[in-house]
C-alpha cells in the first residue's frame, strides 16, 4: 500500500529511518512484514500514525481477500489507508 504523502525532500536524505517515507516495523502475526510511516514527523492525524502497511500487499483489496481466506478482516484508516486492526470474522459455525 502506498501513503498519500511522501517524506519532504529536504529531510529525506538525512533521515536514518526513511525508505520512501516508511520504516520497517517488524513482523505482524497476520500481516507478515510491516512498515509504518517514518517516525521523524507526524503524517496522519486520523490514526495518530499507528497504522501499519504490509510489505507484501500493494492494494487494500488484495489484503482483504487474503485475510478473508483465513477468516480475518482488516480495519483501514480512512486517511492514510494503513491497517489499524486485524480481527477474526465469525460466521456462526458455517464453512470457513
N, C-alpha and C. Protein backbone atom coordinates (compact mmCIF):
# COMPACT_ATOMS: atom_id res chain seq x y z
N UNK A 1 0.84 -1.16 0.00
CA UNK A 1 0.00 0.00 0.00
C UNK A 1 0.89 1.23 0.00
N UNK A 2 0.41 2.27 -0.56
CA UNK A 2 1.20 3.49 -0.59
C UNK A 2 0.50 4.60 0.17
N UNK A 3 1.28 5.41 0.82
CA UNK A 3 0.72 6.54 1.57
C UNK A 3 0.49 7.71 0.62
N UNK A 4 -0.46 8.58 0.94
CA UNK A 4 -0.75 9.70 0.07
C UNK A 4 0.34 10.78 0.08
N UNK A 5 1.21 10.77 1.08
CA UNK A 5 2.24 11.80 1.19
C UNK A 5 3.60 11.14 1.28
N UNK A 6 4.63 11.84 0.89
CA UNK A 6 5.99 11.33 0.98
C UNK A 6 6.79 12.20 1.93
N UNK A 7 7.93 11.69 2.34
CA UNK A 7 8.86 12.45 3.18
C UNK A 7 9.29 13.68 2.40
N UNK A 8 9.37 14.83 3.07
CA UNK A 8 9.76 16.03 2.32
C UNK A 8 11.22 15.92 1.88
N UNK A 9 11.53 16.48 0.74
CA UNK A 9 12.83 16.31 0.10
C UNK A 9 13.99 16.89 0.91
N UNK A 10 13.73 17.87 1.74
CA UNK A 10 14.81 18.50 2.49
C UNK A 10 15.33 17.61 3.62
N UNK A 11 14.48 16.80 4.23
CA UNK A 11 14.92 15.96 5.34
C UNK A 11 15.09 14.50 4.96
N UNK A 12 14.63 14.08 3.80
CA UNK A 12 14.69 12.67 3.41
C UNK A 12 16.11 12.13 3.38
N UNK A 13 17.04 12.90 2.87
CA UNK A 13 18.42 12.41 2.75
C UNK A 13 19.06 12.19 4.12
N UNK A 14 18.70 12.99 5.10
CA UNK A 14 19.31 12.89 6.42
C UNK A 14 18.57 11.92 7.35
N UNK A 15 17.44 11.43 6.94
CA UNK A 15 16.62 10.59 7.81
C UNK A 15 17.15 9.15 7.83
N UNK A 16 17.59 8.65 8.99
CA UNK A 16 18.11 7.28 9.05
C UNK A 16 17.02 6.21 8.95
N UNK A 17 15.76 6.59 9.12
CA UNK A 17 14.67 5.63 9.11
C UNK A 17 13.98 5.52 7.76
N UNK A 18 14.11 6.52 6.93
CA UNK A 18 13.23 6.68 5.78
C UNK A 18 13.55 5.74 4.61
N UNK A 19 12.53 5.01 4.18
CA UNK A 19 12.56 4.26 2.94
C UNK A 19 11.34 4.74 2.17
N UNK A 20 11.52 5.79 1.42
CA UNK A 20 10.42 6.41 0.67
C UNK A 20 9.26 6.77 1.59
N UNK A 21 9.58 7.30 2.78
CA UNK A 21 8.54 7.73 3.71
C UNK A 21 8.11 6.68 4.71
N UNK A 22 8.68 5.49 4.65
CA UNK A 22 8.32 4.40 5.55
C UNK A 22 9.54 3.85 6.28
N UNK A 23 9.31 3.14 7.37
CA UNK A 23 10.37 2.47 8.11
C UNK A 23 9.89 1.06 8.47
N UNK A 24 10.77 0.06 8.42
CA UNK A 24 10.36 -1.29 8.82
C UNK A 24 9.89 -1.30 10.28
N UNK A 25 8.86 -2.10 10.57
CA UNK A 25 8.30 -2.12 11.92
C UNK A 25 8.12 -3.53 12.45
N UNK A 26 8.74 -4.52 11.83
CA UNK A 26 8.68 -5.88 12.36
C UNK A 26 7.80 -6.80 11.54
N UNK A 27 7.42 -7.91 12.19
CA UNK A 27 6.59 -8.92 11.54
C UNK A 27 5.31 -9.09 12.36
N UNK A 28 4.20 -8.81 11.73
CA UNK A 28 2.88 -8.95 12.35
C UNK A 28 2.43 -10.40 12.18
N UNK A 29 1.77 -11.00 13.17
CA UNK A 29 1.37 -12.41 13.05
C UNK A 29 0.39 -12.70 11.91
N UNK A 30 -0.40 -11.73 11.51
CA UNK A 30 -1.37 -11.94 10.43
C UNK A 30 -0.99 -11.25 9.13
N UNK A 31 -0.26 -10.16 9.20
CA UNK A 31 0.07 -9.36 8.02
C UNK A 31 1.45 -9.65 7.46
N UNK A 32 2.29 -10.31 8.23
CA UNK A 32 3.67 -10.56 7.79
C UNK A 32 4.53 -9.32 8.04
N UNK A 33 5.51 -9.11 7.17
CA UNK A 33 6.40 -7.95 7.32
C UNK A 33 5.60 -6.67 7.14
N UNK A 34 5.81 -5.73 8.05
CA UNK A 34 5.05 -4.48 8.00
C UNK A 34 5.98 -3.27 8.08
N UNK A 35 5.47 -2.18 7.56
CA UNK A 35 6.13 -0.88 7.64
C UNK A 35 5.20 0.08 8.35
N UNK A 36 5.74 1.14 8.88
CA UNK A 36 4.93 2.24 9.38
C UNK A 36 5.48 3.52 8.77
N UNK A 37 4.75 4.59 8.89
CA UNK A 37 5.22 5.85 8.33
C UNK A 37 6.44 6.32 9.11
N UNK A 38 7.34 7.00 8.43
CA UNK A 38 8.59 7.47 9.02
C UNK A 38 8.31 8.23 10.32
N UNK A 39 8.96 7.86 11.43
CA UNK A 39 8.66 8.46 12.73
C UNK A 39 9.23 9.85 12.95
N UNK A 40 9.91 10.42 11.98
CA UNK A 40 10.53 11.73 12.18
C UNK A 40 9.55 12.88 12.14
N UNK A 41 8.34 12.64 11.65
CA UNK A 41 7.33 13.70 11.65
C UNK A 41 5.94 13.09 11.66
N UNK A 42 4.96 13.88 12.03
CA UNK A 42 3.57 13.42 12.09
C UNK A 42 2.99 13.39 10.68
N UNK A 43 2.35 12.27 10.32
CA UNK A 43 1.81 12.11 8.98
C UNK A 43 0.29 12.12 8.97
N UNK A 44 -0.31 11.31 9.82
CA UNK A 44 -1.76 11.12 9.75
C UNK A 44 -2.39 11.46 11.10
N UNK A 45 -3.22 12.48 11.10
CA UNK A 45 -3.91 12.88 12.33
C UNK A 45 -5.04 11.91 12.70
N UNK A 46 -5.58 11.21 11.72
CA UNK A 46 -6.72 10.33 11.97
C UNK A 46 -6.32 9.13 12.84
N UNK A 47 -5.23 8.47 12.49
CA UNK A 47 -4.80 7.28 13.25
C UNK A 47 -3.61 7.57 14.15
N UNK A 48 -3.17 8.81 14.20
CA UNK A 48 -2.01 9.21 15.01
C UNK A 48 -0.77 8.40 14.64
N UNK A 49 -0.65 8.07 13.37
CA UNK A 49 0.49 7.30 12.83
C UNK A 49 0.61 5.90 13.44
N UNK A 50 -0.50 5.32 13.90
CA UNK A 50 -0.47 3.98 14.46
C UNK A 50 -0.74 2.90 13.42
N UNK A 51 -1.13 3.28 12.22
CA UNK A 51 -1.40 2.31 11.17
C UNK A 51 -0.10 1.67 10.69
N UNK A 52 -0.24 0.43 10.21
CA UNK A 52 0.90 -0.27 9.62
C UNK A 52 0.56 -0.61 8.17
N UNK A 53 1.61 -0.87 7.39
CA UNK A 53 1.46 -1.12 5.97
C UNK A 53 2.16 -2.43 5.63
N UNK A 54 1.40 -3.47 5.23
CA UNK A 54 2.03 -4.74 4.88
C UNK A 54 2.97 -4.59 3.70
N UNK A 55 4.13 -5.22 3.79
CA UNK A 55 5.13 -5.12 2.73
C UNK A 55 4.71 -5.87 1.47
N UNK A 56 3.94 -6.93 1.63
CA UNK A 56 3.61 -7.80 0.51
C UNK A 56 2.47 -7.26 -0.35
N UNK A 57 1.51 -6.59 0.25
CA UNK A 57 0.31 -6.18 -0.46
C UNK A 57 0.37 -4.70 -0.83
N UNK A 58 0.08 -4.40 -2.09
CA UNK A 58 0.08 -3.02 -2.56
C UNK A 58 -1.32 -2.41 -2.57
N UNK A 59 -2.35 -3.26 -2.61
CA UNK A 59 -3.72 -2.75 -2.66
C UNK A 59 -4.52 -3.28 -1.48
N UNK A 60 -5.34 -2.44 -0.86
CA UNK A 60 -6.17 -2.92 0.25
C UNK A 60 -7.08 -4.09 -0.13
N UNK A 61 -7.56 -4.12 -1.37
CA UNK A 61 -8.44 -5.21 -1.80
C UNK A 61 -7.72 -6.55 -1.79
N UNK A 62 -6.46 -6.57 -2.22
CA UNK A 62 -5.68 -7.82 -2.21
C UNK A 62 -5.48 -8.32 -0.78
N UNK A 63 -5.19 -7.41 0.13
CA UNK A 63 -5.02 -7.78 1.53
C UNK A 63 -6.34 -8.29 2.10
N UNK A 64 -7.43 -7.64 1.79
CA UNK A 64 -8.74 -8.05 2.30
C UNK A 64 -9.08 -9.47 1.87
N UNK A 65 -8.81 -9.81 0.62
CA UNK A 65 -9.10 -11.15 0.11
C UNK A 65 -8.21 -12.18 0.81
N UNK A 66 -6.92 -11.87 0.96
CA UNK A 66 -6.00 -12.80 1.62
C UNK A 66 -6.40 -13.04 3.07
N UNK A 67 -6.78 -12.00 3.78
CA UNK A 67 -7.20 -12.15 5.17
C UNK A 67 -8.52 -12.91 5.27
N UNK A 68 -9.43 -12.64 4.35
CA UNK A 68 -10.73 -13.31 4.35
C UNK A 68 -10.57 -14.82 4.20
N UNK A 69 -9.60 -15.24 3.42
CA UNK A 69 -9.32 -16.68 3.25
C UNK A 69 -8.93 -17.34 4.57
N UNK A 70 -8.44 -16.55 5.51
CA UNK A 70 -8.04 -17.06 6.82
C UNK A 70 -9.05 -16.69 7.91
N UNK A 71 -10.22 -16.20 7.50
CA UNK A 71 -11.26 -15.85 8.46
C UNK A 71 -10.97 -14.57 9.23
N UNK A 72 -10.22 -13.66 8.61
CA UNK A 72 -9.85 -12.41 9.26
C UNK A 72 -10.29 -11.22 8.42
N UNK A 73 -10.35 -10.06 9.04
CA UNK A 73 -10.66 -8.82 8.33
C UNK A 73 -9.78 -7.72 8.89
N UNK A 74 -9.50 -6.72 8.07
CA UNK A 74 -8.67 -5.59 8.48
C UNK A 74 -9.53 -4.34 8.58
N UNK A 75 -9.14 -3.46 9.49
CA UNK A 75 -9.74 -2.14 9.60
C UNK A 75 -8.71 -1.16 9.07
N UNK A 76 -9.13 -0.30 8.14
CA UNK A 76 -8.21 0.64 7.50
C UNK A 76 -8.45 2.06 8.00
N UNK A 77 -7.38 2.82 8.12
CA UNK A 77 -7.50 4.25 8.42
C UNK A 77 -8.06 4.93 7.17
N UNK A 78 -9.10 5.73 7.28
CA UNK A 78 -9.69 6.36 6.10
C UNK A 78 -8.80 7.44 5.48
N UNK A 79 -7.80 7.90 6.20
CA UNK A 79 -6.94 8.96 5.67
C UNK A 79 -5.70 8.40 4.97
N UNK A 80 -4.92 7.56 5.68
CA UNK A 80 -3.67 7.06 5.10
C UNK A 80 -3.81 5.66 4.52
N UNK A 81 -4.94 5.00 4.72
CA UNK A 81 -5.26 3.66 4.23
C UNK A 81 -4.31 2.60 4.80
N UNK A 82 -3.75 2.87 5.97
CA UNK A 82 -2.97 1.86 6.67
C UNK A 82 -3.89 0.96 7.48
N UNK A 83 -3.38 -0.17 7.88
CA UNK A 83 -4.16 -1.12 8.68
C UNK A 83 -4.07 -0.71 10.15
N UNK A 84 -5.21 -0.49 10.77
CA UNK A 84 -5.23 -0.12 12.18
C UNK A 84 -5.55 -1.31 13.08
N UNK A 85 -6.21 -2.34 12.55
CA UNK A 85 -6.54 -3.52 13.34
C UNK A 85 -6.83 -4.70 12.42
N UNK A 86 -6.61 -5.91 12.93
CA UNK A 86 -6.99 -7.15 12.26
C UNK A 86 -7.80 -7.94 13.28
N UNK A 87 -8.97 -8.41 12.85
CA UNK A 87 -9.82 -9.14 13.79
C UNK A 87 -10.44 -10.35 13.10
N UNK A 88 -10.79 -11.39 13.88
CA UNK A 88 -11.40 -12.59 13.30
C UNK A 88 -12.86 -12.35 12.94
N UNK A 89 -13.27 -12.96 11.85
CA UNK A 89 -14.68 -12.92 11.45
C UNK A 89 -15.36 -14.17 11.96
N UNK A 90 -16.57 -14.05 12.42
CA UNK A 90 -17.32 -15.23 12.82
C UNK A 90 -18.45 -15.44 11.83
N UNK A 91 -18.76 -16.68 11.58
CA UNK A 91 -19.85 -16.99 10.65
C UNK A 91 -20.80 -18.01 11.25
N UNK A 92 -20.94 -17.99 12.57
CA UNK A 92 -21.88 -18.86 13.28
C UNK A 92 -21.68 -20.34 12.96
N UNK A 93 -20.43 -20.76 12.82
CA UNK A 93 -20.14 -22.17 12.62
C UNK A 93 -20.24 -22.65 11.19
N UNK A 94 -20.41 -21.75 10.24
CA UNK A 94 -20.50 -22.14 8.84
C UNK A 94 -19.14 -22.50 8.25
N UNK A 95 -19.12 -22.74 6.98
CA UNK A 95 -17.87 -23.10 6.29
C UNK A 95 -16.93 -21.92 6.34
N UNK A 96 -15.70 -22.20 6.64
CA UNK A 96 -14.69 -21.16 6.73
C UNK A 96 -14.00 -20.94 5.43
